[in-house]
Amino acid sequence: MSSLQEYVEKLACADEAERTFAAEDIGYLNAPEGVPALLRRLGEEESRAVRDAIFQALIRIDANAAIEGSIRLLASDDPRIRNHAVNVLRRKAVRAIPFLNAVMRDGDKDLRKLVLDILRGVPAGGVEAIYEAALGDKDPNVVITAVENLGLLRAREFRGRIEELLQAGSHPMQVAACVEALVGMGDPSSFGMIRRRFPNLAVLPDFLLAAFLKAMAVWGTAEDFNEVAALLPLRGPHLRSAILGALFAIRARCPSAAANTGALLAALRRIVEDGDPPLCRYQAVRILAFLAAEDDVYAFLVACLSSPERLVRLAAAESLRAAGRPGLEPLLAARANEETDEEVLQALSC
């Protein structure tokens, strides 16, 4: 059996395969004494295969030396090395936390943000101190990353802190991140606070409105429906799907939501007829299912069954079935005789 020293020597071999095998063998030995040699080789290694083997070895070596070495690599100018180091530390999980605490306390802003990248998706239990520090960080990017992480984790224990940041925040991207995080946490009591922060949707810049519409989709009330609908003619196509999604979600949750039917039909009809992306056109027609009791809406849905766009035809069939008006079956059966798309046929025949 070869010794650690022999494997270390082979790291300098001219043959790429030999260097790869040497790095792998050092990892299998689980030898902390091999970490310095792996890090030295990494600094001059050009082969991707050998670099990958070195990082796999660092993952396998169950010692503080591998954690400390990976933390030093976070300061590398090479983004590939930084990304690999993040992965190693993520795999080290609980054992790396004391070291990450130290970086959060003493590292520069880039290192502090990388600590949060390492913790992305890792349960917040056990790293509360890191997140407390991050939410009070002087660098907005660190705060934003912490807020995003906590939203993804649905870490409700930080809800109050994030609501405070939302109320006091002046950095627009931080404000948007706070709204999205609160939506992720899913506590309905957050919606009232978000509404107080943004009482008038019409004046919100697009990026903030995009975040707010996510909250509307989850918690919006019947009273909010017309306010959201009024945004359709005011905002560009890039926000249309989010607006339509919020409208559909509100009406599905609140069937009693009153609508200005004439204005809404006109806005939705423009979306369907003016060549919007197929998904937006589908969403627009599906919303009309809630208004199909109106004769003009019903007539438009019937006309949509002949649209050249398959998603419009699909939405029309689904909306008409959801509306359930008398005399519908012969109409759908006649249309099915002319339809060739399997998905639309299924909706017509259900």
Protein backbone atom coordinates (compact mmCIF):
# COMPACT_ATOMS: atom_id res chain seq x y z
CA MET A 1 0.00 0.00 0.00
CA SER A 2 1.36 3.43 -0.92
CA SER A 3 1.96 5.99 1.80
CA LEU A 4 0.59 9.51 2.07
CA GLN A 5 4.03 10.84 1.13
CA GLU A 6 3.98 8.88 -2.13
CA TYR A 7 0.57 10.22 -3.04
CA VAL A 8 1.73 13.77 -2.25
CA GLU A 9 4.71 13.30 -4.54
CA LYS A 10 2.48 12.01 -7.35
CA LEU A 11 0.47 15.24 -7.18
CA ALA A 12 3.42 16.83 -9.01
CA CYS A 13 3.56 14.08 -11.66
CA ALA A 14 3.46 15.14 -15.32
CA ASP A 15 0.71 12.64 -16.05
CA GLU A 16 -2.81 14.02 -15.47
CA ALA A 17 -4.25 10.61 -14.60
CA GLU A 18 -1.57 10.01 -11.97
CA ARG A 19 -2.30 13.38 -10.36
CA THR A 20 -6.03 12.61 -10.38
CA PHE A 21 -5.53 9.20 -8.75
CA ALA A 22 -3.15 10.72 -6.18
CA ALA A 23 -5.72 13.33 -5.13
CA GLU A 24 -8.42 10.67 -4.90
CA ASP A 25 -6.20 8.40 -2.80
CA ILE A 26 -5.36 11.20 -0.36
CA GLY A 27 -9.10 11.68 0.10
CA TYR A 28 -9.69 7.97 0.64
CA LEU A 29 -6.93 7.97 3.27
CA ASN A 30 -8.93 10.66 5.12
CA ALA A 31 -5.58 12.16 6.10
CA PRO A 32 -5.66 15.76 7.40
CA GLU A 33 -1.89 15.93 6.82
CA GLY A 34 -2.61 15.76 3.08
CA VAL A 35 -4.68 18.95 3.00
CA PRO A 36 -1.74 21.40 2.60
CA ALA A 37 -0.43 19.42 -0.38
CA LEU A 38 -3.88 19.38 -2.00
CA LEU A 39 -4.24 23.13 -1.57
CA ARG A 40 -0.76 23.81 -2.95
CA ARG A 41 -1.50 21.68 -6.01
CA LEU A 42 -4.82 23.43 -6.52
CA GLY A 43 -3.04 26.77 -6.83
CA GLU A 44 -1.11 25.62 -9.91
CA GLU A 45 -3.34 22.92 -11.37
CA GLU A 46 -4.80 23.52 -14.84
CA SER A 47 -6.62 20.21 -15.30
CA ARG A 48 -10.31 20.34 -14.46
CA ALA A 49 -10.32 16.61 -13.69
CA VAL A 50 -7.52 16.98 -11.15
CA ARG A 51 -9.14 20.03 -9.55
CA ASP A 52 -12.40 18.12 -9.22
CA ALA A 53 -10.53 15.21 -7.61
CA ILE A 54 -8.86 17.59 -5.15
CA PHE A 55 -12.19 19.04 -4.07
CA GLN A 56 -13.70 15.58 -3.71
CA ALA A 57 -10.74 14.71 -1.49
CA LEU A 58 -11.40 17.77 0.67
CA ILE A 59 -15.00 16.61 1.04
CA ARG A 60 -13.88 13.14 2.14
CA ILE A 61 -11.27 14.34 4.64
CA ASP A 62 -13.18 14.55 7.89
CA ALA A 63 -11.04 17.09 9.69
CA ASN A 64 -10.96 20.78 10.54
CA ALA A 65 -7.99 21.21 8.22
CA ALA A 66 -10.24 20.56 5.20
CA ILE A 67 -12.78 23.11 6.45
CA GLU A 68 -10.17 25.75 7.20
CA GLY A 69 -8.49 25.18 3.85
CA SER A 70 -11.80 25.52 2.00
CA ILE A 71 -12.57 28.75 3.84
CA ARG A 72 -9.25 30.18 2.69
CA LEU A 73 -10.23 29.27 -0.88
CA LEU A 74 -13.31 31.50 -0.61
CA ALA A 75 -10.96 34.45 -1.10
CA SER A 76 -9.65 33.06 -4.42
CA ASP A 77 -9.80 35.29 -7.50
CA ASP A 78 -10.94 32.26 -9.51
CA PRO A 79 -14.76 31.96 -9.39
CA ARG A 80 -14.55 28.23 -10.17
CA ILE A 81 -12.42 27.64 -7.09
CA ARG A 82 -14.76 29.75 -4.96
CA ASN A 83 -17.77 27.80 -6.18
CA HIS A 84 -16.07 24.48 -5.44
CA ALA A 85 -15.12 25.72 -1.97
CA VAL A 86 -18.73 26.71 -1.32
CA ASN A 87 -19.80 23.18 -2.26
CA VAL A 88 -17.20 21.58 0.04
CA LEU A 89 -18.31 23.69 2.99
CA ARG A 90 -21.95 23.00 2.26
CA ARG A 91 -21.19 19.29 2.39
CA LYS A 92 -19.39 19.74 5.72
CA ALA A 93 -22.65 21.10 7.14
CA VAL A 94 -22.76 21.31 10.94
CA ARG A 95 -19.01 20.94 11.43
CA ALA A 96 -18.35 24.05 9.36
CA ILE A 97 -20.71 26.32 11.30
CA PRO A 98 -18.22 27.57 13.96
CA PHE A 99 -15.79 28.50 11.18
CA LEU A 100 -18.53 30.21 9.18
CA ASN A 101 -19.49 32.18 12.29
CA ALA A 102 -15.93 33.49 12.45
CA VAL A 103 -16.00 34.50 8.78
CA MET A 104 -19.33 36.27 9.29
CA ARG A 105 -17.78 38.18 12.16
CA ASP A 106 -14.38 39.03 10.69
CA GLY A 107 -14.60 38.58 6.89
CA ASP A 108 -15.09 41.27 4.27
CA LYS A 109 -18.45 41.81 2.59
CA ASP A 110 -17.72 39.33 -0.22
CA LEU A 111 -16.83 36.60 2.25
CA ARG A 112 -19.85 37.35 4.38
CA LYS A 113 -22.09 36.95 1.34
CA LEU A 114 -20.37 33.67 0.45
CA VAL A 115 -21.15 32.36 3.92
CA LEU A 116 -24.83 32.88 3.13
CA ASP A 117 -24.40 31.22 -0.25
CA ILE A 118 -23.02 28.19 1.61
CA LEU A 119 -26.06 28.17 3.90
CA ARG A 120 -28.59 28.48 1.07
CA GLY A 121 -31.06 25.65 1.55
CA VAL A 122 -29.51 24.60 4.88
CA PRO A 123 -32.11 24.65 7.73
CA ALA A 124 -31.80 27.77 9.83
CA GLY A 125 -31.62 25.85 13.10
CA GLY A 126 -28.12 26.12 14.50
CA VAL A 127 -27.12 29.11 12.36
CA GLU A 128 -29.42 31.70 13.92
CA ALA A 129 -26.46 33.82 15.03
CA ILE A 130 -25.18 34.02 11.47
CA TYR A 131 -28.55 35.18 10.18
CA GLU A 132 -28.99 37.67 13.01
CA ALA A 133 -25.64 39.20 12.08
CA ALA A 134 -26.46 39.11 8.36
CA LEU A 135 -29.81 40.88 8.76
CA GLY A 136 -28.01 43.71 10.54
CA ASP A 137 -25.10 43.84 8.10
CA LYS A 138 -24.03 47.21 6.70
CA ASP A 139 -23.79 45.81 3.16
CA PRO A 140 -27.19 45.61 1.38
CA ASN A 141 -26.17 42.58 -0.68
CA VAL A 142 -25.48 40.59 2.47
CA VAL A 143 -28.85 41.57 3.93
CA ILE A 144 -30.68 40.75 0.70
CA THR A 145 -29.04 37.31 0.46
CA ALA A 146 -29.94 36.56 4.07
CA VAL A 147 -33.55 37.59 3.50
CA GLU A 148 -33.79 35.48 0.34
CA ASN A 149 -32.37 32.43 2.14
CA LEU A 150 -34.80 32.77 5.03
CA GLY A 151 -37.72 33.12 2.65
CA LEU A 152 -36.73 29.94 0.82
CA LEU A 153 -36.40 28.16 4.17
CA ARG A 154 -39.77 29.52 5.35
CA ALA A 155 -38.00 30.40 8.57
CA ARG A 156 -40.94 32.00 10.37
CA GLU A 157 -38.87 32.66 13.46
CA PHE A 158 -37.33 35.55 11.49
CA ARG A 159 -40.64 36.91 10.20
CA GLY A 160 -40.78 39.79 12.68
CA ARG A 161 -37.23 40.85 11.87
CA ILE A 162 -37.93 40.83 8.14
CA GLU A 163 -41.13 42.82 8.63
CA GLU A 164 -39.05 45.41 10.49
CA LEU A 165 -36.60 45.55 7.58
CA LEU A 166 -39.49 46.00 5.16
CA GLN A 167 -40.96 48.87 7.12
CA ALA A 168 -37.65 50.66 7.60
CA GLY A 169 -35.95 49.68 4.34
CA SER A 170 -34.95 52.23 1.74
CA HIS A 171 -32.93 49.97 -0.55
CA PRO A 172 -35.44 48.97 -3.26
CA MET A 173 -34.06 45.48 -3.90
CA GLN A 174 -34.00 44.79 -0.17
CA VAL A 175 -37.64 45.85 0.11
CA ALA A 176 -38.59 43.51 -2.77
CA ALA A 177 -36.65 40.65 -1.17
CA CYS A 178 -38.48 41.20 2.13
CA VAL A 179 -41.89 41.01 0.43
CA GLU A 180 -40.97 37.78 -1.37
CA ALA A 181 -39.53 36.27 1.81
CA LEU A 182 -42.70 37.02 3.76
CA VAL A 183 -44.75 35.40 1.01
CA GLY A 184 -42.50 32.34 1.29
CA MET A 185 -43.00 32.22 5.05
CA GLY A 186 -46.73 32.13 4.46
CA ASP A 187 -48.07 33.94 7.53
CA PRO A 188 -51.29 35.76 6.50
CA SER A 189 -50.74 38.45 9.13
CA SER A 190 -47.85 39.76 7.04
CA PHE A 191 -50.19 40.88 4.27
CA GLY A 192 -51.74 43.72 6.25
CA MET A 193 -48.29 45.10 6.98
CA ILE A 194 -47.25 44.78 3.33
CA ARG A 195 -50.40 46.64 2.24
CA ARG A 196 -49.71 49.44 4.69
CA ARG A 197 -46.22 49.74 3.23
CA PHE A 198 -47.63 49.86 -0.31
CA PRO A 199 -51.12 51.36 -0.20
CA ASN A 200 -51.17 52.33 -3.90
CA LEU A 201 -50.16 49.67 -6.41
CA ALA A 202 -50.33 52.02 -9.37
CA VAL A 203 -47.27 54.01 -8.26
CA LEU A 204 -44.99 51.05 -7.57
CA PRO A 205 -41.96 50.56 -9.84
CA ASP A 206 -42.08 47.36 -11.85
CA PHE A 207 -39.63 45.31 -9.78
CA LEU A 208 -41.48 46.10 -6.56
CA LEU A 209 -44.84 45.44 -8.17
CA ALA A 210 -43.61 42.02 -9.32
CA ALA A 211 -42.85 41.10 -5.70
CA PHE A 212 -46.11 42.58 -4.45
CA LEU A 213 -48.16 40.62 -6.99
CA LYS A 214 -46.83 37.41 -5.46
CA ALA A 215 -48.29 38.54 -2.14
CA MET A 216 -51.56 39.41 -3.88
CA ALA A 217 -51.72 35.96 -5.45
CA VAL A 218 -51.41 34.34 -2.02
CA TRP A 219 -53.39 36.71 0.20
CA GLY A 220 -55.27 39.21 -1.98
CA THR A 221 -58.91 39.72 -1.03
CA ALA A 222 -62.09 40.35 -3.00
CA GLU A 223 -61.58 44.06 -2.37
CA ASP A 224 -58.19 43.92 -4.10
CA PHE A 225 -59.44 42.37 -7.35
CA ASN A 226 -60.35 45.54 -9.26
CA GLU A 227 -57.22 47.34 -8.09
CA VAL A 228 -55.08 44.58 -9.57
CA ALA A 229 -57.19 44.42 -12.73
CA ALA A 230 -56.67 48.15 -13.27
CA LEU A 231 -52.94 47.48 -13.69
CA LEU A 232 -53.42 45.53 -16.94
CA PRO A 233 -53.52 48.52 -19.31
CA LEU A 234 -50.90 50.40 -17.29
CA ARG A 235 -48.00 47.94 -17.24
CA GLY A 236 -45.88 46.36 -19.93
CA PRO A 237 -46.02 42.78 -21.21
CA HIS A 238 -43.22 41.68 -18.87
CA LEU A 239 -45.59 42.06 -15.89
CA ARG A 240 -48.72 40.82 -17.57
CA SER A 241 -48.41 37.17 -16.58
CA ALA A 242 -47.89 38.11 -12.91
CA ILE A 243 -50.93 40.41 -12.95
CA LEU A 244 -53.09 37.77 -14.60
CA GLY A 245 -51.87 35.11 -12.19
CA ALA A 246 -52.78 37.30 -9.21
CA LEU A 247 -56.24 38.00 -10.65
CA PHE A 248 -56.95 34.31 -11.22
CA ALA A 249 -55.72 33.38 -7.72
CA ILE A 250 -57.80 36.09 -6.03
CA ARG A 251 -60.99 35.17 -7.88
CA ALA A 252 -60.48 31.44 -7.30
CA ARG A 253 -60.05 32.12 -3.59
CA CYS A 254 -62.77 34.79 -3.38
CA PRO A 255 -65.63 33.90 -5.77
CA SER A 256 -67.58 36.91 -4.56
CA ALA A 257 -64.94 39.36 -5.81
CA ALA A 258 -66.76 42.06 -7.72
CA ALA A 259 -65.41 42.95 -11.14
CA ASN A 260 -65.84 45.85 -13.50
CA THR A 261 -66.82 43.36 -16.19
CA GLY A 262 -66.79 45.71 -19.16
CA ALA A 263 -63.34 47.14 -18.48
CA LEU A 264 -61.88 43.77 -17.55
CA LEU A 265 -63.29 42.04 -20.64
CA ALA A 266 -61.87 44.81 -22.84
CA ALA A 267 -58.42 44.47 -21.26
CA LEU A 268 -58.41 40.68 -21.46
CA ARG A 269 -59.72 40.72 -25.00
CA ARG A 270 -56.82 42.95 -26.09
CA ILE A 271 -54.36 40.49 -24.57
CA VAL A 272 -55.94 37.58 -26.45
CA GLU A 273 -56.27 39.37 -29.77
CA ASP A 274 -53.10 41.49 -29.89
CA GLY A 275 -50.54 38.69 -30.02
CA ASP A 276 -49.39 38.50 -26.40
CA PRO A 277 -47.29 35.43 -25.47
CA PRO A 278 -49.42 32.25 -25.51
CA LEU A 279 -49.22 31.80 -21.73
CA CYS A 280 -50.64 35.28 -21.10
CA ARG A 281 -53.40 34.64 -23.61
CA TYR A 282 -54.22 31.36 -21.86
CA GLN A 283 -54.34 33.10 -18.46
CA ALA A 284 -56.56 35.88 -19.81
CA VAL A 285 -59.13 33.43 -21.18
CA ARG A 286 -59.10 31.34 -18.00
CA ILE A 287 -59.94 34.38 -15.88
CA LEU A 288 -63.07 34.86 -17.98
CA ALA A 289 -64.46 31.60 -16.60
CA PHE A 290 -65.45 33.58 -13.51
CA LEU A 291 -67.44 36.06 -15.63
CA ALA A 292 -69.06 33.64 -18.08
CA ALA A 293 -72.53 34.32 -16.71
CA GLU A 294 -72.37 37.58 -18.67
CA ASP A 295 -73.58 37.07 -22.24
CA ASP A 296 -70.81 39.12 -23.86
CA VAL A 297 -68.14 37.19 -21.95
CA TYR A 298 -69.76 33.88 -22.88
CA ALA A 299 -69.90 34.88 -26.55
CA PHE A 300 -66.22 35.80 -26.50
CA LEU A 301 -65.28 32.45 -24.93
CA VAL A 302 -67.21 30.63 -27.64
CA ALA A 303 -65.34 32.64 -30.28
CA CYS A 304 -62.04 31.68 -28.63
CA LEU A 305 -62.76 28.01 -29.39
CA SER A 306 -61.83 28.81 -33.01
CA SER A 307 -58.60 30.67 -32.23
CA PRO A 308 -55.50 29.62 -34.22
CA GLU A 309 -53.59 29.53 -30.91
CA ARG A 310 -54.04 26.13 -29.21
CA LEU A 311 -53.60 27.53 -25.69
CA VAL A 312 -56.43 29.99 -26.29
CA ARG A 313 -58.67 27.15 -27.49
CA LEU A 314 -57.65 25.05 -24.48
CA ALA A 315 -58.40 27.88 -22.05
CA ALA A 316 -61.74 28.55 -23.73
CA ALA A 317 -62.80 24.90 -23.41
CA GLU A 318 -61.72 24.80 -19.76
CA SER A 319 -63.43 28.10 -18.96
CA LEU A 320 -66.68 27.14 -20.62
CA ARG A 321 -66.74 23.83 -18.77
CA ALA A 322 -66.05 25.63 -15.48
CA ALA A 323 -68.89 28.05 -16.20
CA GLY A 324 -71.34 25.17 -16.86
CA ARG A 325 -74.01 27.14 -18.69
CA PRO A 326 -77.01 25.19 -20.09
CA GLY A 327 -76.76 23.96 -23.66
CA LEU A 328 -72.99 23.78 -23.57
CA GLU A 329 -72.46 20.13 -24.51
CA PRO A 330 -73.71 20.28 -28.14
CA LEU A 331 -71.51 23.33 -28.71
CA LEU A 332 -68.38 21.62 -27.37
CA ALA A 333 -69.15 18.39 -29.22
CA ALA A 334 -69.46 20.27 -32.51
CA ARG A 335 -66.15 21.98 -31.90
CA ALA A 336 -64.50 18.65 -31.00
CA ASN A 337 -65.34 17.35 -34.48
CA GLU A 338 -63.05 20.01 -35.94
CA GLU A 339 -60.27 19.93 -33.31
CA THR A 340 -56.95 18.14 -33.94
CA ASP A 341 -54.97 18.96 -30.80
CA GLU A 342 -55.17 16.09 -28.28
CA GLU A 343 -55.09 18.26 -25.16
CA VAL A 344 -57.79 20.59 -26.45
CA LEU A 345 -59.85 17.59 -27.54
CA GLN A 346 -59.67 16.20 -24.03
CA ALA A 347 -60.87 19.49 -22.55
CA LEU A 348 -63.74 19.62 -25.03
CA SER A 349 -64.78 16.03 -24.34
CA CYS A 350 -64.49 15.85 -20.54
